Protein backbone atom coordinates (compact mmCIF):
# COMPACT_ATOMS: atom_id res chain seq x y z
CA MET A 1 -140.28 -7.56 -103.10
CA LYS A 2 -137.56 -5.16 -102.00
CA VAL A 3 -133.89 -6.08 -102.10
CA VAL A 4 -131.82 -4.76 -99.23
CA GLY A 5 -128.06 -4.80 -99.62
CA ILE A 6 -125.63 -5.24 -96.76
CA THR A 7 -122.07 -4.24 -97.48
CA GLY A 8 -118.90 -3.23 -95.70
CA GLY A 9 -115.22 -3.93 -95.75
CA ILE A 10 -113.62 -7.24 -94.87
CA GLY A 11 -114.09 -7.97 -91.17
CA SER A 12 -116.73 -5.27 -90.65
CA GLY A 13 -119.31 -7.72 -89.30
CA LYS A 14 -121.62 -8.21 -92.29
CA THR A 15 -122.30 -11.85 -91.45
CA THR A 16 -123.13 -11.06 -87.81
CA VAL A 17 -125.63 -8.39 -88.89
CA CYS A 18 -127.13 -10.77 -91.47
CA LYS A 19 -127.60 -13.47 -88.82
CA ILE A 20 -129.67 -10.99 -86.76
CA PHE A 21 -131.88 -10.28 -89.80
CA GLU A 22 -132.26 -14.05 -90.31
CA LEU A 23 -133.48 -14.37 -86.72
CA LEU A 24 -136.20 -11.87 -87.70
CA GLY A 25 -137.25 -14.20 -90.54
CA ILE A 26 -135.59 -12.32 -93.38
CA PRO A 27 -133.93 -14.49 -96.06
CA VAL A 28 -130.27 -13.65 -96.71
CA PHE A 29 -128.25 -14.38 -99.84
CA TYR A 30 -124.53 -14.51 -99.04
CA ALA A 31 -122.95 -13.44 -102.35
CA ASP A 32 -119.36 -13.80 -101.10
CA THR A 33 -120.00 -17.37 -99.91
CA GLU A 34 -121.75 -18.20 -103.18
CA ALA A 35 -118.78 -16.84 -105.13
CA LYS A 36 -116.43 -19.21 -103.28
CA THR A 37 -118.52 -22.25 -104.25
CA LEU A 38 -118.39 -21.27 -107.92
CA TYR A 39 -114.74 -22.29 -108.13
CA ASP A 40 -115.94 -25.91 -107.97
CA ASP A 41 -117.98 -25.39 -111.16
CA ALA A 42 -116.16 -27.03 -114.09
CA THR A 43 -116.75 -24.09 -116.48
CA ILE A 44 -115.56 -21.49 -113.97
CA LYS A 45 -112.55 -23.64 -113.01
CA SER A 46 -111.45 -23.98 -116.65
CA LYS A 47 -111.78 -20.22 -117.17
CA VAL A 48 -109.73 -19.55 -114.02
CA VAL A 49 -107.01 -21.91 -115.29
CA GLU A 50 -107.20 -20.21 -118.70
CA LEU A 51 -106.64 -16.82 -117.01
CA PHE A 52 -103.97 -17.75 -114.46
CA GLY A 53 -102.55 -21.13 -115.45
CA LYS A 54 -102.45 -24.46 -113.62
CA LYS A 55 -100.43 -22.88 -110.80
CA VAL A 56 -103.77 -21.94 -109.18
CA LEU A 57 -104.77 -25.59 -108.79
CA GLY A 58 -104.14 -27.56 -105.64
CA LYS A 59 -102.96 -31.16 -105.43
CA ASP A 60 -106.61 -32.26 -105.53
CA GLY A 61 -107.06 -30.57 -108.93
CA LYS A 62 -109.43 -27.96 -107.53
CA VAL A 63 -108.85 -24.20 -107.59
CA ASP A 64 -106.70 -23.37 -104.56
CA ARG A 65 -108.39 -20.18 -103.38
CA ALA A 66 -105.38 -19.22 -101.23
CA LYS A 67 -103.06 -19.39 -104.26
CA LEU A 68 -105.56 -17.48 -106.35
CA ALA A 69 -105.99 -14.83 -103.62
CA SER A 70 -102.22 -14.29 -103.43
CA ILE A 71 -102.27 -13.52 -107.17
CA ILE A 72 -105.37 -11.34 -107.40
CA PHE A 73 -104.70 -9.28 -104.26
CA SER A 74 -101.20 -8.49 -105.53
CA ASP A 75 -102.25 -7.48 -109.03
CA LYS A 76 -105.20 -5.16 -109.71
CA PRO A 77 -105.76 -6.31 -113.34
CA SER A 78 -105.99 -9.93 -112.12
CA LEU A 79 -108.55 -8.92 -109.51
CA VAL A 80 -110.61 -7.17 -112.19
CA LYS A 81 -110.44 -10.29 -114.41
CA ILE A 82 -111.65 -12.63 -111.67
CA ASN A 83 -114.45 -10.23 -110.71
CA LEU A 84 -115.62 -10.06 -114.33
CA LEU A 85 -115.76 -13.86 -114.35
CA ILE A 86 -117.38 -14.49 -110.97
CA HIS A 87 -119.83 -11.61 -110.50
CA PRO A 88 -122.14 -12.31 -113.47
CA ALA A 89 -122.44 -15.94 -112.31
CA VAL A 90 -123.29 -14.82 -108.76
CA ARG A 91 -125.92 -12.37 -110.11
CA LYS A 92 -127.61 -15.19 -112.02
CA ILE A 93 -127.73 -17.40 -108.90
CA PHE A 94 -129.06 -14.48 -106.82
CA HIS A 95 -131.95 -13.84 -109.22
CA GLN A 96 -132.88 -17.54 -109.19
CA TRP A 97 -132.71 -17.54 -105.34
CA LYS A 98 -134.85 -14.38 -105.12
CA LYS A 99 -137.65 -15.96 -107.20
CA GLN A 100 -137.86 -18.77 -104.63
CA GLN A 101 -138.45 -16.40 -101.70
CA LYS A 102 -142.11 -16.13 -100.82
CA ALA A 103 -144.24 -14.19 -98.32
CA VAL A 104 -141.55 -11.75 -97.22
CA GLN A 105 -141.52 -7.98 -97.65
CA TYR A 106 -137.82 -7.89 -98.38
CA VAL A 107 -134.75 -10.06 -98.86
CA ILE A 108 -131.13 -9.27 -98.09
CA GLU A 109 -128.11 -9.64 -100.31
CA GLU A 110 -124.77 -9.51 -98.52
CA ALA A 111 -121.60 -8.68 -100.44
CA ALA A 112 -118.30 -6.98 -99.63
CA ILE A 113 -117.87 -5.24 -102.98
CA MET A 114 -121.47 -4.28 -103.70
CA VAL A 115 -120.51 -0.70 -104.55
CA GLU A 116 -117.36 -1.53 -106.55
CA SER A 117 -119.18 -4.15 -108.65
CA GLY A 118 -122.14 -1.86 -109.36
CA VAL A 119 -124.61 -4.28 -107.75
CA TYR A 120 -125.83 -1.45 -105.50
CA LYS A 121 -127.75 -0.15 -108.55
CA GLU A 122 -130.05 -3.21 -108.30
CA ILE A 123 -130.66 -2.65 -104.58
CA ASN A 124 -133.66 -0.79 -103.14
CA TYR A 125 -131.99 0.04 -99.82
CA LEU A 126 -128.30 -0.21 -98.92
CA ILE A 127 -127.00 -0.85 -95.41
CA LEU A 128 -123.33 -0.17 -94.73
CA ILE A 129 -121.54 -1.78 -91.79
CA ASN A 130 -118.80 0.51 -90.46
CA SER A 131 -116.21 -0.84 -88.06
CA PRO A 132 -112.84 0.52 -86.86
CA LYS A 133 -109.89 -0.81 -88.88
CA LEU A 134 -108.03 -2.33 -85.91
CA LEU A 135 -111.16 -4.16 -84.77
CA ARG A 136 -111.65 -5.47 -88.31
CA ILE A 137 -108.07 -6.73 -88.47
CA ASN A 138 -108.43 -8.51 -85.11
CA ARG A 139 -111.69 -10.17 -86.21
CA ILE A 140 -110.12 -11.41 -89.44
CA ILE A 141 -107.07 -12.80 -87.62
CA LYS A 142 -109.40 -14.82 -85.38
CA SER A 143 -111.59 -16.13 -88.21
CA ASN A 144 -109.11 -16.65 -91.06
CA LYS A 145 -105.60 -17.89 -91.58
CA LEU A 146 -104.43 -14.53 -92.88
CA ASN A 147 -101.61 -12.54 -91.37
CA THR A 148 -101.78 -8.81 -90.70
CA ASN A 149 -99.98 -7.87 -93.94
CA GLU A 150 -102.36 -9.98 -96.06
CA ILE A 151 -105.34 -8.44 -94.29
CA LYS A 152 -104.07 -4.89 -94.81
CA LYS A 153 -103.46 -5.68 -98.49
CA ARG A 154 -107.07 -6.84 -98.88
CA ILE A 155 -108.40 -3.80 -97.04
CA ARG A 156 -106.41 -1.57 -99.41
CA GLU A 157 -107.98 -3.34 -102.42
CA GLN A 158 -111.45 -2.39 -101.21
CA ILE A 159 -112.88 1.11 -101.30
CA THR A 160 -112.99 2.99 -98.00
CA ASP A 161 -116.00 3.28 -95.72
CA LYS A 162 -116.08 7.01 -96.55
CA GLU A 163 -116.50 6.13 -100.23
CA ARG A 164 -119.19 3.52 -99.44
CA GLU A 165 -121.10 6.05 -97.31
CA LYS A 166 -122.00 8.01 -100.47
CA TYR A 167 -124.16 5.08 -101.58
CA ALA A 168 -125.59 3.94 -98.22
CA ASP A 169 -129.14 4.60 -97.08
CA VAL A 170 -128.20 3.78 -93.50
CA ILE A 171 -125.02 2.96 -91.57
CA ILE A 172 -124.68 0.39 -88.81
CA ILE A 173 -121.83 1.10 -86.41
CA ASN A 174 -120.13 -2.13 -85.35
CA ASP A 175 -117.57 -0.95 -82.81
CA GLY A 176 -118.49 -3.08 -79.80
CA LYS A 177 -120.08 -0.04 -78.13
CA HIS A 178 -123.31 0.35 -80.11
CA SER A 179 -125.89 -2.46 -79.92
CA LEU A 180 -126.12 -4.27 -83.25
CA ILE A 181 -129.48 -5.78 -82.27
CA GLU A 182 -131.01 -2.37 -81.56
CA GLN A 183 -129.67 -0.92 -84.82
CA VAL A 184 -130.97 -3.88 -86.84
CA LEU A 185 -134.40 -3.76 -85.17
CA ARG A 186 -134.77 -0.04 -86.01
CA ILE A 187 -133.87 -0.69 -89.65
CA HIS A 188 -136.13 -3.76 -89.84
CA GLU A 189 -139.12 -1.80 -88.51
CA LYS A 190 -138.44 1.00 -91.00
CA LEU A 191 -138.20 -1.47 -93.91
CA LEU A 192 -141.51 -3.11 -92.97
CA LEU A 193 -143.20 0.29 -93.23
CA LYS A 194 -141.75 1.11 -96.67
């Protein structure tokens, strides 16, 4: 079974593209969503507190992801530490999920930092979603409680689309002018023939 990666910067439209693939019957593993749920795991939570102190906990005693984000997106070494903690756990969950997928020619793994984390090396085919920066910022403002400065800070922490393009097998343009459905259908048909 082939593993197809979908990556792109924050706000590029990865989830929208994945939803189209799901409509075609392709299972999708949302690595970024899975990573967020890991903070509820007792072992991960204790390691996060060990790394950053109790200041990252909310009143409910859980990891406050907003507090944690303000730390890790302001300090590169902290971001590296959290990635080294979370990514191996996500990989383990992905491999368990993949074993459960039956009767499909390929599965999709979606992740924002697939190239930076090295996960792209485990992927058979990598799809990059490219979207203009201003459009990305506007999408994030609508879907999150982040302000423009926080969004720009997160964009700066990720590699550029130009850098991602070196690793991509195909690029989907998500600019509101090109049909996402048509682009996905072309890729899907190609993947079924591989």
